[in-house]
Structure formats: structure tokens, C-alpha cells
Amino acid sequence: MRSKPSPGTVTVADALHEEPTLASLLGRWRLSQQCMQAARGVLGPDLSASMRPGPVEDSQWTLLAASGGAAAKSRQLLPRIHQAVQDLGVGVDTVRIRISPP
């Protein structure tokens, strides 16, 4: 059972939506998740398991690979990943792949 917040208390959800910096961060996180969903359609389940969504900065999205092998294979698919992200129409112009072990 949820209790009501006391007067003057701000919930995390309210803070995320009302504070401009946090709202921007939440928006970029959601955009990264959308891009990752589009990329999964290209990567397939096995390769997707080795990838994580990275940050969106300006109009660039970073896809993080768990290993060099996963990065190399995903780079072969980069034109298709880029097209899938472009098809979202969310303003991401560049997709890059970086190695970032879990």
C-alpha cells in the first residue's frame, strides 16, 4: 500500500519531469532505449545479448559492446543499424560502437 507523500515532498518521478536537467537526462535515456530496440532488430538475439545502449549526445548515439568480437561483428552491421535508427526519425544522425566490458 502506497502512502501519500508529506506536503512539500517531491517524488522522484516529479523531480525527473519538473527539473530541466533531470528531464533532459530522462529524455536522452529514453531515446537511447528506443535506438537500442531498433538495433536489436538488426543484431538478432545472440549479438544483442553482448550489447548495451550507451549515451545519446547531440545527434550521436553510442552502442556499447561487451567484447572486441561483439564490436567487430556489430561494426559489420553498422550501416543497417544506422538505417534502423534513422527510420525512427528521432534526430540521431550518427551511430558509433565502443567496447565497454560489463
N, C-alpha and C. Protein backbone atom coordinates (compact mmCIF):
# COMPACT_ATOMS: atom_id res chain seq x y z
N MET A 1 0.84 -1.17 0.00
CA MET A 1 0.00 0.00 0.00
C MET A 1 0.89 1.24 0.00
N ARG A 2 0.62 2.16 -0.90
CA ARG A 2 1.40 3.39 -1.02
C ARG A 2 0.87 4.45 -0.06
N SER A 3 1.79 5.11 0.58
CA SER A 3 1.38 6.24 1.42
C SER A 3 1.56 7.52 0.61
N LYS A 4 0.77 8.51 0.97
CA LYS A 4 0.88 9.80 0.29
C LYS A 4 2.13 10.53 0.77
N PRO A 5 2.83 11.20 -0.14
CA PRO A 5 3.99 11.98 0.30
C PRO A 5 3.53 13.13 1.20
N SER A 6 4.36 13.47 2.16
CA SER A 6 4.02 14.60 3.02
C SER A 6 4.09 15.90 2.23
N PRO A 7 3.37 16.91 2.69
CA PRO A 7 3.39 18.20 1.98
C PRO A 7 4.81 18.72 1.83
N GLY A 8 5.11 19.24 0.67
CA GLY A 8 6.44 19.78 0.41
C GLY A 8 7.42 18.74 -0.10
N THR A 9 7.01 17.47 -0.10
CA THR A 9 7.88 16.39 -0.57
C THR A 9 7.73 16.26 -2.08
N VAL A 10 8.84 16.06 -2.75
CA VAL A 10 8.83 15.88 -4.20
C VAL A 10 9.18 14.42 -4.48
N THR A 11 8.36 13.76 -5.27
CA THR A 11 8.67 12.38 -5.63
C THR A 11 9.77 12.37 -6.69
N VAL A 12 10.40 11.24 -6.84
CA VAL A 12 11.45 11.10 -7.86
C VAL A 12 10.86 11.34 -9.24
N ALA A 13 9.68 10.78 -9.50
CA ALA A 13 9.05 10.97 -10.80
C ALA A 13 8.78 12.44 -11.08
N ASP A 14 8.27 13.16 -10.07
CA ASP A 14 8.03 14.60 -10.25
C ASP A 14 9.32 15.35 -10.52
N ALA A 15 10.37 15.01 -9.78
CA ALA A 15 11.66 15.68 -9.96
C ALA A 15 12.20 15.43 -11.37
N LEU A 16 12.06 14.19 -11.86
CA LEU A 16 12.56 13.86 -13.19
C LEU A 16 11.85 14.65 -14.28
N HIS A 17 10.59 14.94 -14.07
CA HIS A 17 9.83 15.65 -15.09
C HIS A 17 9.88 17.16 -14.95
N GLU A 18 10.07 17.65 -13.73
CA GLU A 18 9.99 19.09 -13.50
C GLU A 18 11.34 19.81 -13.53
N GLU A 19 12.40 19.13 -13.17
CA GLU A 19 13.73 19.75 -13.15
C GLU A 19 14.33 19.62 -14.54
N PRO A 20 14.66 20.72 -15.20
CA PRO A 20 15.11 20.68 -16.60
C PRO A 20 16.29 19.75 -16.86
N THR A 21 17.28 19.74 -16.00
CA THR A 21 18.45 18.89 -16.23
C THR A 21 18.07 17.42 -16.13
N LEU A 22 17.29 17.08 -15.12
CA LEU A 22 16.87 15.69 -14.96
C LEU A 22 15.91 15.27 -16.07
N ALA A 23 15.04 16.17 -16.48
CA ALA A 23 14.12 15.87 -17.58
C ALA A 23 14.89 15.61 -18.87
N SER A 24 15.94 16.38 -19.11
CA SER A 24 16.78 16.18 -20.29
C SER A 24 17.49 14.83 -20.23
N LEU A 25 18.00 14.49 -19.06
CA LEU A 25 18.67 13.20 -18.87
C LEU A 25 17.71 12.05 -19.10
N LEU A 26 16.50 12.15 -18.57
CA LEU A 26 15.49 11.12 -18.77
C LEU A 26 15.13 10.99 -20.25
N GLY A 27 15.00 12.12 -20.93
CA GLY A 27 14.69 12.10 -22.36
C GLY A 27 15.79 11.42 -23.17
N ARG A 28 17.05 11.69 -22.84
CA ARG A 28 18.17 11.06 -23.56
C ARG A 28 18.21 9.57 -23.26
N TRP A 29 17.90 9.18 -22.02
CA TRP A 29 17.87 7.76 -21.66
C TRP A 29 16.79 7.04 -22.47
N ARG A 30 15.61 7.65 -22.55
CA ARG A 30 14.52 7.04 -23.32
C ARG A 30 14.89 6.92 -24.79
N LEU A 31 15.52 7.95 -25.33
CA LEU A 31 15.95 7.93 -26.73
C LEU A 31 16.96 6.81 -26.95
N SER A 32 17.89 6.64 -26.03
CA SER A 32 18.88 5.57 -26.13
C SER A 32 18.20 4.21 -26.12
N GLN A 33 17.18 4.05 -25.30
CA GLN A 33 16.43 2.79 -25.25
C GLN A 33 15.71 2.53 -26.57
N GLN A 34 15.15 3.58 -27.18
CA GLN A 34 14.49 3.44 -28.47
C GLN A 34 15.49 3.00 -29.54
N CYS A 35 16.66 3.62 -29.54
CA CYS A 35 17.69 3.27 -30.51
C CYS A 35 18.12 1.83 -30.32
N MET A 36 18.26 1.40 -29.07
CA MET A 36 18.67 0.03 -28.80
C MET A 36 17.62 -0.95 -29.31
N GLN A 37 16.36 -0.63 -29.11
CA GLN A 37 15.29 -1.51 -29.60
C GLN A 37 15.37 -1.65 -31.12
N ALA A 38 15.62 -0.56 -31.81
CA ALA A 38 15.77 -0.61 -33.28
C ALA A 38 16.99 -1.45 -33.66
N ALA A 39 18.09 -1.28 -32.93
CA ALA A 39 19.32 -2.03 -33.23
C ALA A 39 19.13 -3.52 -32.99
N ARG A 40 18.35 -3.88 -31.97
CA ARG A 40 18.12 -5.31 -31.68
C ARG A 40 17.52 -6.04 -32.89
N GLY A 41 16.68 -5.34 -33.64
CA GLY A 41 16.09 -5.94 -34.82
C GLY A 41 17.12 -6.31 -35.87
N VAL A 42 18.24 -5.60 -35.89
CA VAL A 42 19.32 -5.87 -36.83
C VAL A 42 20.32 -6.86 -36.24
N LEU A 43 20.62 -6.70 -34.97
CA LEU A 43 21.66 -7.51 -34.32
C LEU A 43 21.24 -8.96 -34.09
N GLY A 44 19.96 -9.19 -33.86
CA GLY A 44 19.49 -10.53 -33.52
C GLY A 44 19.74 -10.80 -32.03
N PRO A 45 19.13 -11.86 -31.51
CA PRO A 45 19.19 -12.11 -30.07
C PRO A 45 20.58 -12.43 -29.54
N ASP A 46 21.37 -13.20 -30.27
CA ASP A 46 22.69 -13.58 -29.75
C ASP A 46 23.63 -12.39 -29.62
N LEU A 47 23.74 -11.59 -30.68
CA LEU A 47 24.62 -10.43 -30.63
C LEU A 47 24.06 -9.35 -29.71
N SER A 48 22.74 -9.20 -29.67
CA SER A 48 22.12 -8.22 -28.78
C SER A 48 22.47 -8.46 -27.32
N ALA A 49 22.63 -9.73 -26.96
CA ALA A 49 22.96 -10.08 -25.58
C ALA A 49 24.32 -9.52 -25.17
N SER A 50 25.19 -9.23 -26.15
CA SER A 50 26.52 -8.69 -25.88
C SER A 50 26.60 -7.18 -26.03
N MET A 51 25.46 -6.55 -26.23
CA MET A 51 25.44 -5.11 -26.48
C MET A 51 24.56 -4.41 -25.44
N ARG A 52 24.91 -3.14 -25.16
CA ARG A 52 24.12 -2.29 -24.26
C ARG A 52 23.94 -0.93 -24.90
N PRO A 53 22.84 -0.27 -24.59
CA PRO A 53 22.68 1.09 -25.11
C PRO A 53 23.60 2.04 -24.36
N GLY A 54 24.22 2.90 -25.09
CA GLY A 54 25.08 3.92 -24.48
C GLY A 54 24.41 5.28 -24.56
N PRO A 55 25.17 6.31 -24.32
CA PRO A 55 24.59 7.65 -24.26
C PRO A 55 24.24 8.22 -25.64
N VAL A 56 23.29 9.15 -25.60
CA VAL A 56 22.98 9.98 -26.76
C VAL A 56 23.51 11.37 -26.44
N GLU A 57 24.42 11.85 -27.29
CA GLU A 57 24.99 13.18 -27.11
C GLU A 57 24.87 13.92 -28.42
N ASP A 58 24.23 15.07 -28.36
CA ASP A 58 23.90 15.83 -29.56
C ASP A 58 23.09 14.93 -30.47
N SER A 59 23.58 14.62 -31.64
CA SER A 59 22.83 13.76 -32.55
C SER A 59 23.57 12.43 -32.75
N GLN A 60 24.33 12.02 -31.76
CA GLN A 60 25.14 10.81 -31.86
C GLN A 60 24.76 9.81 -30.77
N TRP A 61 24.53 8.57 -31.15
CA TRP A 61 24.21 7.51 -30.20
C TRP A 61 25.37 6.52 -30.17
N THR A 62 25.73 6.06 -28.97
CA THR A 62 26.80 5.10 -28.81
C THR A 62 26.22 3.75 -28.38
N LEU A 63 26.62 2.72 -29.08
CA LEU A 63 26.25 1.35 -28.77
C LEU A 63 27.47 0.70 -28.12
N LEU A 64 27.28 0.12 -26.95
CA LEU A 64 28.40 -0.43 -26.19
C LEU A 64 28.47 -1.94 -26.33
N ALA A 65 29.64 -2.43 -26.74
CA ALA A 65 29.87 -3.86 -26.94
C ALA A 65 30.63 -4.43 -25.75
N ALA A 66 30.27 -5.64 -25.34
CA ALA A 66 30.90 -6.28 -24.19
C ALA A 66 32.30 -6.81 -24.51
N SER A 67 32.61 -6.98 -25.80
CA SER A 67 33.91 -7.54 -26.17
C SER A 67 34.33 -7.01 -27.54
N GLY A 68 35.58 -7.24 -27.86
CA GLY A 68 36.08 -6.85 -29.18
C GLY A 68 35.39 -7.61 -30.30
N GLY A 69 35.10 -8.89 -30.06
CA GLY A 69 34.42 -9.69 -31.08
C GLY A 69 33.01 -9.18 -31.36
N ALA A 70 32.29 -8.83 -30.30
CA ALA A 70 30.94 -8.29 -30.47
C ALA A 70 31.00 -6.94 -31.18
N ALA A 71 32.01 -6.14 -30.85
CA ALA A 71 32.17 -4.84 -31.51
C ALA A 71 32.46 -5.02 -33.00
N ALA A 72 33.34 -5.96 -33.32
CA ALA A 72 33.71 -6.19 -34.72
C ALA A 72 32.50 -6.66 -35.53
N LYS A 73 31.74 -7.60 -34.99
CA LYS A 73 30.56 -8.10 -35.70
C LYS A 73 29.52 -7.00 -35.86
N SER A 74 29.30 -6.22 -34.80
CA SER A 74 28.29 -5.16 -34.89
C SER A 74 28.73 -4.06 -35.85
N ARG A 75 30.03 -3.83 -35.97
CA ARG A 75 30.52 -2.83 -36.94
C ARG A 75 30.23 -3.28 -38.37
N GLN A 76 30.24 -4.60 -38.61
CA GLN A 76 29.86 -5.10 -39.94
C GLN A 76 28.41 -4.77 -40.25
N LEU A 77 27.59 -4.70 -39.21
CA LEU A 77 26.16 -4.42 -39.37
C LEU A 77 25.83 -2.94 -39.21
N LEU A 78 26.85 -2.12 -39.02
CA LEU A 78 26.62 -0.71 -38.72
C LEU A 78 25.76 0.02 -39.74
N PRO A 79 25.92 -0.19 -41.04
CA PRO A 79 25.03 0.51 -41.98
C PRO A 79 23.55 0.17 -41.75
N ARG A 80 23.27 -1.09 -41.45
CA ARG A 80 21.88 -1.50 -41.20
C ARG A 80 21.38 -0.96 -39.85
N ILE A 81 22.26 -0.94 -38.84
CA ILE A 81 21.88 -0.39 -37.54
C ILE A 81 21.58 1.09 -37.69
N HIS A 82 22.46 1.79 -38.41
CA HIS A 82 22.27 3.22 -38.64
C HIS A 82 20.95 3.48 -39.34
N GLN A 83 20.62 2.69 -40.34
CA GLN A 83 19.36 2.87 -41.06
C GLN A 83 18.16 2.61 -40.15
N ALA A 84 18.25 1.58 -39.32
CA ALA A 84 17.14 1.28 -38.39
C ALA A 84 16.93 2.43 -37.42
N VAL A 85 18.00 3.04 -36.94
CA VAL A 85 17.89 4.18 -36.03
C VAL A 85 17.36 5.40 -36.79
N GLN A 86 17.83 5.62 -38.00
CA GLN A 86 17.34 6.72 -38.82
C GLN A 86 15.84 6.59 -39.07
N ASP A 87 15.38 5.37 -39.27
CA ASP A 87 13.96 5.13 -39.53
C ASP A 87 13.07 5.53 -38.36
N LEU A 88 13.66 5.64 -37.17
CA LEU A 88 12.88 6.08 -36.01
C LEU A 88 12.48 7.55 -36.13
N GLY A 89 13.29 8.32 -36.86
CA GLY A 89 13.02 9.74 -37.03
C GLY A 89 13.19 10.54 -35.75
N VAL A 90 14.18 10.19 -34.95
CA VAL A 90 14.37 10.84 -33.64
C VAL A 90 15.54 11.82 -33.61
N GLY A 91 16.16 12.06 -34.74
CA GLY A 91 17.24 13.06 -34.79
C GLY A 91 18.62 12.54 -34.47
N VAL A 92 18.79 11.22 -34.46
CA VAL A 92 20.12 10.64 -34.27
C VAL A 92 20.74 10.46 -35.65
N ASP A 93 21.83 11.19 -35.90
CA ASP A 93 22.47 11.15 -37.22
C ASP A 93 23.64 10.19 -37.30
N THR A 94 24.24 9.89 -36.16
CA THR A 94 25.44 9.07 -36.14
C THR A 94 25.30 7.98 -35.10
N VAL A 95 25.74 6.78 -35.46
CA VAL A 95 25.81 5.67 -34.51
C VAL A 95 27.26 5.23 -34.44
N ARG A 96 27.77 5.12 -33.23
CA ARG A 96 29.14 4.62 -33.09
C ARG A 96 29.12 3.43 -32.14
N ILE A 97 30.13 2.60 -32.26
CA ILE A 97 30.24 1.40 -31.44
C ILE A 97 31.54 1.48 -30.65
N ARG A 98 31.44 1.27 -29.36
CA ARG A 98 32.59 1.29 -28.46
C ARG A 98 32.60 0.02 -27.64
N ILE A 99 33.78 -0.40 -27.24
CA ILE A 99 33.91 -1.57 -26.36
C ILE A 99 33.82 -1.08 -24.92
N SER A 100 32.95 -1.71 -24.17
CA SER A 100 32.76 -1.38 -22.76
C SER A 100 32.39 -2.67 -22.03
N PRO A 101 33.38 -3.41 -21.52
CA PRO A 101 33.06 -4.66 -20.85
C PRO A 101 32.08 -4.45 -19.70
N PRO A 102 31.21 -5.46 -19.47
CA PRO A 102 30.22 -5.31 -18.41
C PRO A 102 30.82 -5.15 -17.04
